[in-house]
């Protein structure tokens, strides 16, 4: 269904790239062999391997320091926050950029 929807919207239906900072996760996705330590992984989680095999998604290593999702999941130090804000296309002062209204103190 998704490939047809993407093509109808004029979007390239190629594999979705997914950055991952967990080396063990990447090893599990790329190695279909179960080991003594990975036998406990629920079969439901093996669907990711199916997506990779079909070419719907590709995984690559992305260091934690470069993970863009961190800006949505945790407090960042100022330099990392500014980099995230710039990557998201958000200006430094949303109030001024949006023409925020000043509160009416006469009420």
PDB file of N, CA and C in Angstrom:
ATOM      1  N   UNK A   1       0.826  -1.198   0.000  1.00  0.00           N
ATOM      2  CA  UNK A   1       0.000   0.000   0.000  1.00  0.00           C
ATOM      3  C   UNK A   1       0.868   1.258   0.000  1.00  0.00           C
ATOM      4  N   UNK A   2       1.880   1.306   0.851  1.00  0.00           N
ATOM      5  CA  UNK A   2       2.695   2.509   0.970  1.00  0.00           C
ATOM      6  C   UNK A   2       3.391   2.882  -0.348  1.00  0.00           C
ATOM      7  N   UNK A   3       3.992   1.926  -1.073  1.00  0.00           N
ATOM      8  CA  UNK A   3       4.630   2.321  -2.335  1.00  0.00           C
ATOM      9  C   UNK A   3       3.661   2.958  -3.318  1.00  0.00           C
ATOM     10  N   UNK A   4       2.431   2.452  -3.379  1.00  0.00           N
ATOM     11  CA  UNK A   4       1.439   3.029  -4.285  1.00  0.00           C
ATOM     12  C   UNK A   4       1.066   4.439  -3.838  1.00  0.00           C
ATOM     13  N   UNK A   5       0.922   4.633  -2.536  1.00  0.00           N
ATOM     14  CA  UNK A   5       0.584   5.962  -2.017  1.00  0.00           C
ATOM     15  C   UNK A   5       1.704   6.948  -2.297  1.00  0.00           C
ATOM     16  N   UNK A   6       2.950   6.510  -2.116  1.00  0.00           N
ATOM     17  CA  UNK A   6       4.084   7.394  -2.390  1.00  0.00           C
ATOM     18  C   UNK A   6       4.135   7.784  -3.851  1.00  0.00           C
ATOM     19  N   UNK A   7       3.951   6.805  -4.737  1.00  0.00           N
ATOM     20  CA  UNK A   7       4.022   7.117  -6.161  1.00  0.00           C
ATOM     21  C   UNK A   7       2.866   8.017  -6.577  1.00  0.00           C
ATOM     22  N   UNK A   8       1.699   7.854  -5.975  1.00  0.00           N
ATOM     23  CA  UNK A   8       0.559   8.720  -6.288  1.00  0.00           C
ATOM     24  C   UNK A   8       0.830  10.161  -5.865  1.00  0.00           C
ATOM     25  N   UNK A   9       1.626  10.327  -4.827  1.00  0.00           N
ATOM     26  CA  UNK A   9       1.982  11.671  -4.360  1.00  0.00           C
ATOM     27  C   UNK A   9       3.206  12.232  -5.084  1.00  0.00           C
ATOM     28  N   UNK A  10       3.799  11.435  -5.955  1.00  0.00           N
ATOM     29  CA  UNK A  10       4.971  11.886  -6.680  1.00  0.00           C
ATOM     30  C   UNK A  10       6.248  11.827  -5.862  1.00  0.00           C
ATOM     31  N   UNK A  11       6.246  10.994  -4.830  1.00  0.00           N
ATOM     32  CA  UNK A  11       7.416  10.845  -3.965  1.00  0.00           C
ATOM     33  C   UNK A  11       8.162   9.584  -4.361  1.00  0.00           C
ATOM     34  N   UNK A  12       9.489   9.678  -4.392  1.00  0.00           N
ATOM     35  CA  UNK A  12      10.313   8.508  -4.690  1.00  0.00           C
ATOM     36  C   UNK A  12      10.052   7.449  -3.635  1.00  0.00           C
ATOM     37  N   UNK A  13       9.662   6.282  -4.056  1.00  0.00           N
ATOM     38  CA  UNK A  13       9.335   5.211  -3.132  1.00  0.00           C
ATOM     39  C   UNK A  13      10.532   4.363  -2.740  1.00  0.00           C
ATOM     40  N   UNK A  14      11.734   4.918  -2.806  1.00  0.00           N
ATOM     41  CA  UNK A  14      12.928   4.168  -2.443  1.00  0.00           C
ATOM     42  C   UNK A  14      12.982   3.862  -0.959  1.00  0.00           C
ATOM     43  N   UNK A  15      14.024   3.183  -0.580  1.00  0.00           N
ATOM     44  CA  UNK A  15      14.202   2.792   0.813  1.00  0.00           C
ATOM     45  C   UNK A  15      14.351   4.019   1.710  1.00  0.00           C
ATOM     46  N   UNK A  16      13.745   3.947   2.869  1.00  0.00           N
ATOM     47  CA  UNK A  16      13.834   5.027   3.851  1.00  0.00           C
ATOM     48  C   UNK A  16      15.118   4.831   4.638  1.00  0.00           C
ATOM     49  N   UNK A  17      16.021   5.809   4.634  1.00  0.00           N
ATOM     50  CA  UNK A  17      17.262   5.660   5.412  1.00  0.00           C
ATOM     51  C   UNK A  17      17.001   5.924   6.895  1.00  0.00           C
ATOM     52  N   UNK A  18      17.512   5.046   7.747  1.00  0.00           N
ATOM     53  CA  UNK A  18      17.332   5.172   9.191  1.00  0.00           C
ATOM     54  C   UNK A  18      18.701   5.175   9.863  1.00  0.00           C
ATOM     55  N   UNK A  19      19.027   6.288  10.524  1.00  0.00           N
ATOM     56  CA  UNK A  19      20.274   6.368  11.275  1.00  0.00           C
ATOM     57  C   UNK A  19      20.103   5.706  12.626  1.00  0.00           C
ATOM     58  N   UNK A  20      21.082   4.928  13.037  1.00  0.00           N
ATOM     59  CA  UNK A  20      21.023   4.201  14.309  1.00  0.00           C
ATOM     60  C   UNK A  20      22.371   4.314  14.998  1.00  0.00           C
ATOM     61  N   UNK A  21      22.341   4.652  16.300  1.00  0.00           N
ATOM     62  CA  UNK A  21      23.601   4.796  17.032  1.00  0.00           C
ATOM     63  C   UNK A  21      23.934   3.573  17.875  1.00  0.00           C
ATOM     64  N   UNK A  22      23.130   2.545  17.810  1.00  0.00           N
ATOM     65  CA  UNK A  22      23.341   1.345  18.601  1.00  0.00           C
ATOM     66  C   UNK A  22      23.927   0.253  17.707  1.00  0.00           C
ATOM     67  N   UNK A  23      25.196  -0.066  17.933  1.00  0.00           N
ATOM     68  CA  UNK A  23      25.880  -1.061  17.100  1.00  0.00           C
ATOM     69  C   UNK A  23      25.230  -2.440  17.230  1.00  0.00           C
ATOM     70  N   UNK A  24      24.764  -2.786  18.435  1.00  0.00           N
ATOM     71  CA  UNK A  24      24.130  -4.092  18.630  1.00  0.00           C
ATOM     72  C   UNK A  24      22.837  -4.186  17.821  1.00  0.00           C
ATOM     73  N   UNK A  25      22.095  -3.098  17.761  1.00  0.00           N
ATOM     74  CA  UNK A  25      20.868  -3.069  16.964  1.00  0.00           C
ATOM     75  C   UNK A  25      21.187  -3.292  15.487  1.00  0.00           C
ATOM     76  N   UNK A  26      22.198  -2.610  15.000  1.00  0.00           N
ATOM     77  CA  UNK A  26      22.581  -2.771  13.595  1.00  0.00           C
ATOM     78  C   UNK A  26      23.017  -4.202  13.304  1.00  0.00           C
ATOM     79  N   UNK A  27      23.734  -4.809  14.238  1.00  0.00           N
ATOM     80  CA  UNK A  27      24.169  -6.193  14.047  1.00  0.00           C
ATOM     81  C   UNK A  27      22.969  -7.131  13.990  1.00  0.00           C
ATOM     82  N   UNK A  28      21.971  -6.908  14.840  1.00  0.00           N
ATOM     83  CA  UNK A  28      20.777  -7.762  14.820  1.00  0.00           C
ATOM     84  C   UNK A  28      19.992  -7.617  13.529  1.00  0.00           C
ATOM     85  N   UNK A  29      19.902  -6.389  13.023  1.00  0.00           N
ATOM     86  CA  UNK A  29      19.152  -6.158  11.791  1.00  0.00           C
ATOM     87  C   UNK A  29      19.857  -6.794  10.601  1.00  0.00           C
ATOM     88  N   UNK A  30      21.176  -6.692  10.577  1.00  0.00           N
ATOM     89  CA  UNK A  30      21.927  -7.158   9.419  1.00  0.00           C
ATOM     90  C   UNK A  30      22.316  -8.628   9.459  1.00  0.00           C
ATOM     91  N   UNK A  31      22.185  -9.277  10.623  1.00  0.00           N
ATOM     92  CA  UNK A  31      22.575 -10.680  10.746  1.00  0.00           C
ATOM     93  C   UNK A  31      21.341 -11.509  11.090  1.00  0.00           C
ATOM     94  N   UNK A  32      20.825 -12.275  10.143  1.00  0.00           N
ATOM     95  CA  UNK A  32      19.611 -13.043  10.402  1.00  0.00           C
ATOM     96  C   UNK A  32      19.837 -14.257  11.305  1.00  0.00           C
ATOM     97  N   UNK A  33      21.084 -14.606  11.602  1.00  0.00           N
ATOM     98  CA  UNK A  33      21.367 -15.775  12.422  1.00  0.00           C
ATOM     99  C   UNK A  33      21.100 -15.476  13.889  1.00  0.00           C
ATOM    100  N   UNK A  34      20.330 -16.334  14.532  1.00  0.00           N
ATOM    101  CA  UNK A  34      20.093 -16.197  15.964  1.00  0.00           C
ATOM    102  C   UNK A  34      21.298 -16.753  16.713  1.00  0.00           C
ATOM    103  N   UNK A  35      21.686 -16.058  17.748  1.00  0.00           N
ATOM    104  CA  UNK A  35      22.781 -16.528  18.588  1.00  0.00           C
ATOM    105  C   UNK A  35      22.228 -16.828  19.972  1.00  0.00           C
ATOM    106  N   UNK A  36      23.073 -17.356  20.823  1.00  0.00           N
ATOM    107  CA  UNK A  36      22.663 -17.679  22.181  1.00  0.00           C
ATOM    108  C   UNK A  36      22.134 -16.445  22.890  1.00  0.00           C
ATOM    109  N   UNK A  37      22.700 -15.279  22.600  1.00  0.00           N
ATOM    110  CA  UNK A  37      22.308 -14.050  23.289  1.00  0.00           C
ATOM    111  C   UNK A  37      21.106 -13.360  22.650  1.00  0.00           C
ATOM    112  N   UNK A  38      20.772 -13.702  21.426  1.00  0.00           N
ATOM    113  CA  UNK A  38      19.660 -13.009  20.742  1.00  0.00           C
ATOM    114  C   UNK A  38      18.422 -13.882  20.587  1.00  0.00           C
ATOM    115  N   UNK A  39      18.446 -15.105  21.082  1.00  0.00           N
ATOM    116  CA  UNK A  39      17.288 -15.982  20.945  1.00  0.00           C
ATOM    117  C   UNK A  39      16.058 -15.431  21.656  1.00  0.00           C
ATOM    118  N   UNK A  40      16.269 -14.621  22.674  1.00  0.00           N
ATOM    119  CA  UNK A  40      15.149 -14.104  23.463  1.00  0.00           C
ATOM    120  C   UNK A  40      14.368 -12.988  22.766  1.00  0.00           C
ATOM    121  N   UNK A  41      14.884 -12.459  21.667  1.00  0.00           N
ATOM    122  CA  UNK A  41      14.207 -11.366  20.976  1.00  0.00           C
ATOM    123  C   UNK A  41      12.901 -11.890  20.386  1.00  0.00           C
ATOM    124  N   UNK A  42      11.828 -11.213  20.699  1.00  0.00           N
ATOM    125  CA  UNK A  42      10.496 -11.633  20.258  1.00  0.00           C
ATOM    126  C   UNK A  42      10.413 -11.656  18.737  1.00  0.00           C
ATOM    127  N   UNK A  43       9.719 -12.628  18.215  1.00  0.00           N
ATOM    128  CA  UNK A  43       9.575 -12.794  16.767  1.00  0.00           C
ATOM    129  C   UNK A  43       8.950 -11.553  16.134  1.00  0.00           C
ATOM    130  N   UNK A  44       8.109 -10.848  16.875  1.00  0.00           N
ATOM    131  CA  UNK A  44       7.467  -9.648  16.326  1.00  0.00           C
ATOM    132  C   UNK A  44       8.493  -8.603  15.906  1.00  0.00           C
ATOM    133  N   UNK A  45       9.640  -8.580  16.563  1.00  0.00           N
ATOM    134  CA  UNK A  45      10.652  -7.588  16.231  1.00  0.00           C
ATOM    135  C   UNK A  45      11.441  -7.950  14.975  1.00  0.00           C
ATOM    136  N   UNK A  46      11.264  -9.162  14.491  1.00  0.00           N
ATOM    137  CA  UNK A  46      11.967  -9.564  13.279  1.00  0.00           C
ATOM    138  C   UNK A  46      11.359  -8.942  12.026  1.00  0.00           C
ATOM    139  N   UNK A  47      10.237  -8.237  12.163  1.00  0.00           N
ATOM    140  CA  UNK A  47       9.624  -7.590  11.006  1.00  0.00           C
ATOM    141  C   UNK A  47      10.563  -6.546  10.406  1.00  0.00           C
ATOM    142  N   UNK A  48      11.440  -5.971  11.233  1.00  0.00           N
ATOM    143  CA  UNK A  48      12.397  -4.994  10.718  1.00  0.00           C
ATOM    144  C   UNK A  48      13.287  -5.647   9.676  1.00  0.00           C
ATOM    145  N   UNK A  49      13.691  -6.887   9.935  1.00  0.00           N
ATOM    146  CA  UNK A  49      14.516  -7.613   8.952  1.00  0.00           C
ATOM    147  C   UNK A  49      13.752  -7.798   7.639  1.00  0.00           C
ATOM    148  N   UNK A  50      12.454  -8.034   7.743  1.00  0.00           N
ATOM    149  CA  UNK A  50      11.638  -8.183   6.535  1.00  0.00           C
ATOM    150  C   UNK A  50      11.617  -6.888   5.734  1.00  0.00           C
ATOM    151  N   UNK A  51      11.492  -5.754   6.428  1.00  0.00           N
ATOM    152  CA  UNK A  51      11.506  -4.456   5.743  1.00  0.00           C
ATOM    153  C   UNK A  51      12.837  -4.223   5.034  1.00  0.00           C
ATOM    154  N   UNK A  52      13.923  -4.596   5.695  1.00  0.00           N
ATOM    155  CA  UNK A  52      15.246  -4.444   5.077  1.00  0.00           C
ATOM    156  C   UNK A  52      15.369  -5.354   3.864  1.00  0.00           C
ATOM    157  N   UNK A  53      14.911  -6.597   4.001  1.00  0.00           N
ATOM    158  CA  UNK A  53      14.998  -7.557   2.898  1.00  0.00           C
ATOM    159  C   UNK A  53      14.179  -7.110   1.694  1.00  0.00           C
ATOM    160  N   UNK A  54      13.034  -6.466   1.943  1.00  0.00           N
ATOM    161  CA  UNK A  54      12.198  -5.968   0.843  1.00  0.00           C
ATOM    162  C   UNK A  54      12.731  -4.681   0.238  1.00  0.00           C
ATOM    163  N   UNK A  55      13.681  -4.050   0.909  1.00  0.00           N
ATOM    164  CA  UNK A  55      14.213  -2.791   0.405  1.00  0.00           C
ATOM    165  C   UNK A  55      13.391  -1.582   0.803  1.00  0.00           C
ATOM    166  N   UNK A  56      12.508  -1.736   1.789  1.00  0.00           N
ATOM    167  CA  UNK A  56      11.690  -0.612   2.238  1.00  0.00           C
ATOM    168  C   UNK A  56      12.474   0.346   3.122  1.00  0.00           C
ATOM    169  N   UNK A  57      13.495  -0.162   3.808  1.00  0.00           N
ATOM    170  CA  UNK A  57      14.259   0.648   4.748  1.00  0.00           C
ATOM    171  C   UNK A  57      15.714   0.194   4.734  1.00  0.00           C
ATOM    172  N   UNK A  58      16.623   1.131   4.950  1.00  0.00           N
ATOM    173  CA  UNK A  58      18.038   0.803   5.102  1.00  0.00           C
ATOM    174  C   UNK A  58      18.524   1.442   6.393  1.00  0.00           C
ATOM    175  N   UNK A  59      19.409   0.762   7.086  1.00  0.00           N
ATOM    176  CA  UNK A  59      19.966   1.272   8.330  1.00  0.00           C
ATOM    177  C   UNK A  59      21.435   1.605   8.130  1.00  0.00           C
ATOM    178  N   UNK A  60      21.884   2.660   8.780  1.00  0.00           N
ATOM    179  CA  UNK A  60      23.288   3.032   8.744  1.00  0.00           C
ATOM    180  C   UNK A  60      23.675   3.575  10.110  1.00  0.00           C
ATOM    181  N   UNK A  61      24.971   3.522  10.414  1.00  0.00           N
ATOM    182  CA  UNK A  61      25.445   4.002  11.705  1.00  0.00           C
ATOM    183  C   UNK A  61      25.467   5.524  11.710  1.00  0.00           C
ATOM    184  N   UNK A  62      24.904   6.093  12.754  1.00  0.00           N
ATOM    185  CA  UNK A  62      24.902   7.535  12.959  1.00  0.00           C
ATOM    186  C   UNK A  62      25.320   7.773  14.404  1.00  0.00           C
ATOM    187  N   UNK A  63      26.473   8.388  14.635  1.00  0.00           N
ATOM    188  CA  UNK A  63      26.935   8.594  16.014  1.00  0.00           C
ATOM    189  C   UNK A  63      25.914   9.361  16.850  1.00  0.00           C
ATOM    190  N   UNK A  64      25.888   9.068  18.132  1.00  0.00           N
ATOM    191  CA  UNK A  64      24.932   9.702  19.039  1.00  0.00           C
ATOM    192  C   UNK A  64      25.011  11.220  18.986  1.00  0.00           C
ATOM    193  N   UNK A  65      26.217  11.743  18.846  1.00  0.00           N
ATOM    194  CA  UNK A  65      26.395  13.202  18.833  1.00  0.00           C
ATOM    195  C   UNK A  65      25.725  13.849  17.625  1.00  0.00           C
ATOM    196  N   UNK A  66      25.465  13.075  16.583  1.00  0.00           N
ATOM    197  CA  UNK A  66      24.861  13.614  15.362  1.00  0.00           C
ATOM    198  C   UNK A  66      23.394  13.212  15.196  1.00  0.00           C
ATOM    199  N   UNK A  67      22.807  12.578  16.206  1.00  0.00           N
ATOM    200  CA  UNK A  67      21.451  12.069  16.117  1.00  0.00           C
ATOM    201  C   UNK A  67      20.445  13.213  16.199  1.00  0.00           C
ATOM    202  N   UNK A  68      19.742  13.525  15.102  1.00  0.00           N
ATOM    203  CA  UNK A  68      18.816  14.653  15.124  1.00  0.00           C
ATOM    204  C   UNK A  68      17.630  14.450  16.059  1.00  0.00           C
ATOM    205  N   UNK A  69      17.225  13.227  16.288  1.00  0.00           N
ATOM    206  CA  UNK A  69      16.059  12.984  17.146  1.00  0.00           C
ATOM    207  C   UNK A  69      16.321  13.362  18.600  1.00  0.00           C
ATOM    208  N   UNK A  70      17.569  13.509  18.992  1.00  0.00           N
ATOM    209  CA  UNK A  70      17.869  13.880  20.375  1.00  0.00           C
ATOM    210  C   UNK A  70      17.218  15.199  20.756  1.00  0.00           C
ATOM    211  N   UNK A  71      17.043  16.089  19.816  1.00  0.00           N
ATOM    212  CA  UNK A  71      16.404  17.366  20.106  1.00  0.00           C
ATOM    213  C   UNK A  71      14.946  17.219  20.485  1.00  0.00           C
ATOM    214  N   UNK A  72      14.357  16.076  20.169  1.00  0.00           N
ATOM    215  CA  UNK A  72      12.957  15.825  20.504  1.00  0.00           C
ATOM    216  C   UNK A  72      12.804  14.941  21.734  1.00  0.00           C
ATOM    217  N   UNK A  73      13.898  14.358  22.200  1.00  0.00           N
ATOM    218  CA  UNK A  73      13.785  13.373  23.270  1.00  0.00           C
ATOM    219  C   UNK A  73      14.492  13.739  24.559  1.00  0.00           C
ATOM    220  N   UNK A  74      15.353  14.750  24.563  1.00  0.00           N
ATOM    221  CA  UNK A  74      16.084  15.094  25.782  1.00  0.00           C
ATOM    222  C   UNK A  74      16.539  16.538  25.746  1.00  0.00           C
ATOM    223  N   UNK A  75      16.895  17.029  26.919  1.00  0.00           N
ATOM    224  CA  UNK A  75      17.455  18.381  26.998  1.00  0.00           C
ATOM    225  C   UNK A  75      18.862  18.358  26.412  1.00  0.00           C
ATOM    226  N   UNK A  76      19.181  19.345  25.609  1.00  0.00           N
ATOM    227  CA  UNK A  76      20.487  19.401  24.957  1.00  0.00           C
ATOM    228  C   UNK A  76      21.298  20.564  25.500  1.00  0.00           C
ATOM    229  N   UNK A  77      22.636  20.415  25.504  1.00  0.00           N
ATOM    230  CA  UNK A  77      23.455  21.577  25.823  1.00  0.00           C
ATOM    231  C   UNK A  77      23.280  22.635  24.731  1.00  0.00           C
ATOM    232  N   UNK A  78      23.584  23.876  25.044  1.00  0.00           N
ATOM    233  CA  UNK A  78      23.291  24.982  24.133  1.00  0.00           C
ATOM    234  C   UNK A  78      23.810  24.788  22.711  1.00  0.00           C
ATOM    235  N   UNK A  79      25.086  24.392  22.514  1.00  0.00           N
ATOM    236  CA  UNK A  79      25.551  24.222  21.117  1.00  0.00           C
ATOM    237  C   UNK A  79      24.753  23.167  20.345  1.00  0.00           C
ATOM    238  N   UNK A  80      24.445  22.054  21.010  1.00  0.00           N
ATOM    239  CA  UNK A  80      23.678  21.003  20.338  1.00  0.00           C
ATOM    240  C   UNK A  80      22.250  21.468  20.081  1.00  0.00           C
ATOM    241  N   UNK A  81      21.678  22.222  21.019  1.00  0.00           N
ATOM    242  CA  UNK A  81      20.323  22.742  20.825  1.00  0.00           C
ATOM    243  C   UNK A  81      20.264  23.689  19.636  1.00  0.00           C
ATOM    244  N   UNK A  82      21.250  24.578  19.534  1.00  0.00           N
ATOM    245  CA  UNK A  82      21.276  25.522  18.409  1.00  0.00           C
ATOM    246  C   UNK A  82      21.425  24.787  17.083  1.00  0.00           C
ATOM    247  N   UNK A  83      22.266  23.750  17.061  1.00  0.00           N
ATOM    248  CA  UNK A  83      22.419  22.961  15.830  1.00  0.00           C
ATOM    249  C   UNK A  83      21.113  22.269  15.466  1.00  0.00           C
ATOM    250  N   UNK A  84      20.413  21.725  16.470  1.00  0.00           N
ATOM    251  CA  UNK A  84      19.122  21.076  16.219  1.00  0.00           C
ATOM    252  C   UNK A  84      18.109  22.089  15.714  1.00  0.00           C
ATOM    253  N   UNK A  85      18.067  23.252  16.351  1.00  0.00           N
ATOM    254  CA  UNK A  85      17.124  24.301  15.959  1.00  0.00           C
ATOM    255  C   UNK A  85      17.378  24.736  14.518  1.00  0.00           C
ATOM    256  N   UNK A  86      18.647  24.907  14.155  1.00  0.00           N
ATOM    257  CA  UNK A  86      18.984  25.310  12.790  1.00  0.00           C
ATOM    258  C   UNK A  86      18.602  24.222  11.783  1.00  0.00           C
ATOM    259  N   UNK A  87      18.854  22.962  12.149  1.00  0.00           N
ATOM    260  CA  UNK A  87      18.519  21.854  11.243  1.00  0.00           C
ATOM    261  C   UNK A  87      17.007  21.754  11.042  1.00  0.00           C
ATOM    262  N   UNK A  88      16.240  22.102  12.073  1.00  0.00           N
ATOM    263  CA  UNK A  88      14.781  22.051  11.981  1.00  0.00           C
ATOM    264  C   UNK A  88      14.212  23.278  11.280  1.00  0.00           C
ATOM    265  N   UNK A  89      15.055  24.286  11.043  1.00  0.00           N
ATOM    266  CA  UNK A  89      14.598  25.489  10.354  1.00  0.00           C
ATOM    267  C   UNK A  89      13.814  26.430  11.241  1.00  0.00           C
ATOM    268  N   UNK A  90      14.088  26.385  12.532  1.00  0.00           N
ATOM    269  CA  UNK A  90      13.384  27.232  13.490  1.00  0.00           C
ATOM    270  C   UNK A  90      14.306  28.381  13.875  1.00  0.00           C
ATOM    271  N   UNK A  91      13.743  29.587  13.903  1.00  0.00           N
ATOM    272  CA  UNK A  91      14.528  30.756  14.274  1.00  0.00           C
ATOM    273  C   UNK A  91      14.796  30.824  15.764  1.00  0.00           C
ATOM    274  N   UNK A  92      15.712  31.693  16.181  1.00  0.00           N
ATOM    275  CA  UNK A  92      16.069  31.778  17.596  1.00  0.00           C
ATOM    276  C   UNK A  92      14.970  32.353  18.478  1.00  0.00           C
ATOM    277  N   UNK A  93      14.073  33.175  17.946  1.00  0.00           N
ATOM    278  CA  UNK A  93      13.033  33.783  18.765  1.00  0.00           C
ATOM    279  C   UNK A  93      11.700  33.612  18.071  1.00  0.00           C
ATOM    280  N   UNK A  94      10.975  32.586  18.470  1.00  0.00           N
ATOM    281  CA  UNK A  94       9.698  32.298  17.824  1.00  0.00           C
ATOM    282  C   UNK A  94       8.684  33.411  18.045  1.00  0.00           C
ATOM    283  N   UNK A  95       8.706  34.040  19.212  1.00  0.00           N
ATOM    284  CA  UNK A  95       7.750  35.099  19.503  1.00  0.00           C
ATOM    285  C   UNK A  95       7.892  36.266  18.554  1.00  0.00           C
ATOM    286  N   UNK A  96       9.125  36.705  18.325  1.00  0.00           N
ATOM    287  CA  UNK A  96       9.365  37.839  17.437  1.00  0.00           C
ATOM    288  C   UNK A  96       9.083  37.458  15.983  1.00  0.00           C
ATOM    289  N   UNK A  97       9.439  36.235  15.611  1.00  0.00           N
ATOM    290  CA  UNK A  97       9.248  35.796  14.234  1.00  0.00           C
ATOM    291  C   UNK A  97       7.769  35.652  13.894  1.00  0.00           C
ATOM    292  N   UNK A  98       6.963  35.261  14.865  1.00  0.00           N
ATOM    293  CA  UNK A  98       5.547  35.047  14.606  1.00  0.00           C
ATOM    294  C   UNK A  98       4.707  36.291  14.897  1.00  0.00           C
ATOM    295  N   UNK A  99       5.346  37.369  15.344  1.00  0.00           N
ATOM    296  CA  UNK A  99       4.605  38.574  15.678  1.00  0.00           C
ATOM    297  C   UNK A  99       3.676  38.353  16.857  1.00  0.00           C
ATOM    298  N   UNK A 100       4.225  37.729  17.912  1.00  0.00           N
ATOM    299  CA  UNK A 100       3.425  37.386  19.079  1.00  0.00           C
ATOM    300  C   UNK A 100       2.815  38.625  19.703  1.00  0.00           C
ATOM    301  N   UNK A 101       1.644  38.450  20.192  1.00  0.00           N
ATOM    302  CA  UNK A 101       0.920  39.549  20.837  1.00  0.00           C
ATOM    303  C   UNK A 101       1.408  39.725  22.260  1.00  0.00           C
ATOM    304  N   UNK A 102       1.519  40.954  22.664  1.00  0.00           N
ATOM    305  CA  UNK A 102       1.861  41.252  24.055  1.00  0.00           C
ATOM    306  C   UNK A 102       0.599  41.084  24.900  1.00  0.00           C
ATOM    307  N   UNK A 103       0.742  40.614  26.137  1.00  0.00           N
ATOM    308  CA  UNK A 103      -0.458  40.466  26.961  1.00  0.00           C
ATOM    309  C   UNK A 103      -1.052  41.819  27.283  1.00  0.00           C
ATOM    310  N   UNK A 104      -2.370  41.882  27.308  1.00  0.00           N
ATOM    311  CA  UNK A 104      -3.074  43.110  27.627  1.00  0.00           C
ATOM    312  C   UNK A 104      -3.182  43.213  29.147  1.00  0.00           C
ATOM    313  N   UNK A 105      -2.359  44.075  29.731  1.00  0.00           N
ATOM    314  CA  UNK A 105      -2.320  44.213  31.169  1.00  0.00           C
ATOM    315  C   UNK A 105      -3.473  45.042  31.718  1.00  0.00           C
ATOM    316  N   UNK A 106      -4.273  45.698  30.850  1.00  0.00           N
ATOM    317  CA  UNK A 106      -5.382  46.547  31.293  1.00  0.00           C
ATOM    318  C   UNK A 106      -6.579  45.693  31.732  1.00  0.00           C
ATOM    319  N   UNK A 107      -6.588  44.437  31.386  1.00  0.00           N
ATOM    320  CA  UNK A 107      -7.743  43.590  31.736  1.00  0.00           C
ATOM    321  C   UNK A 107      -7.844  43.301  33.184  1.00  0.00           C
TER     322      UNK A 107
END
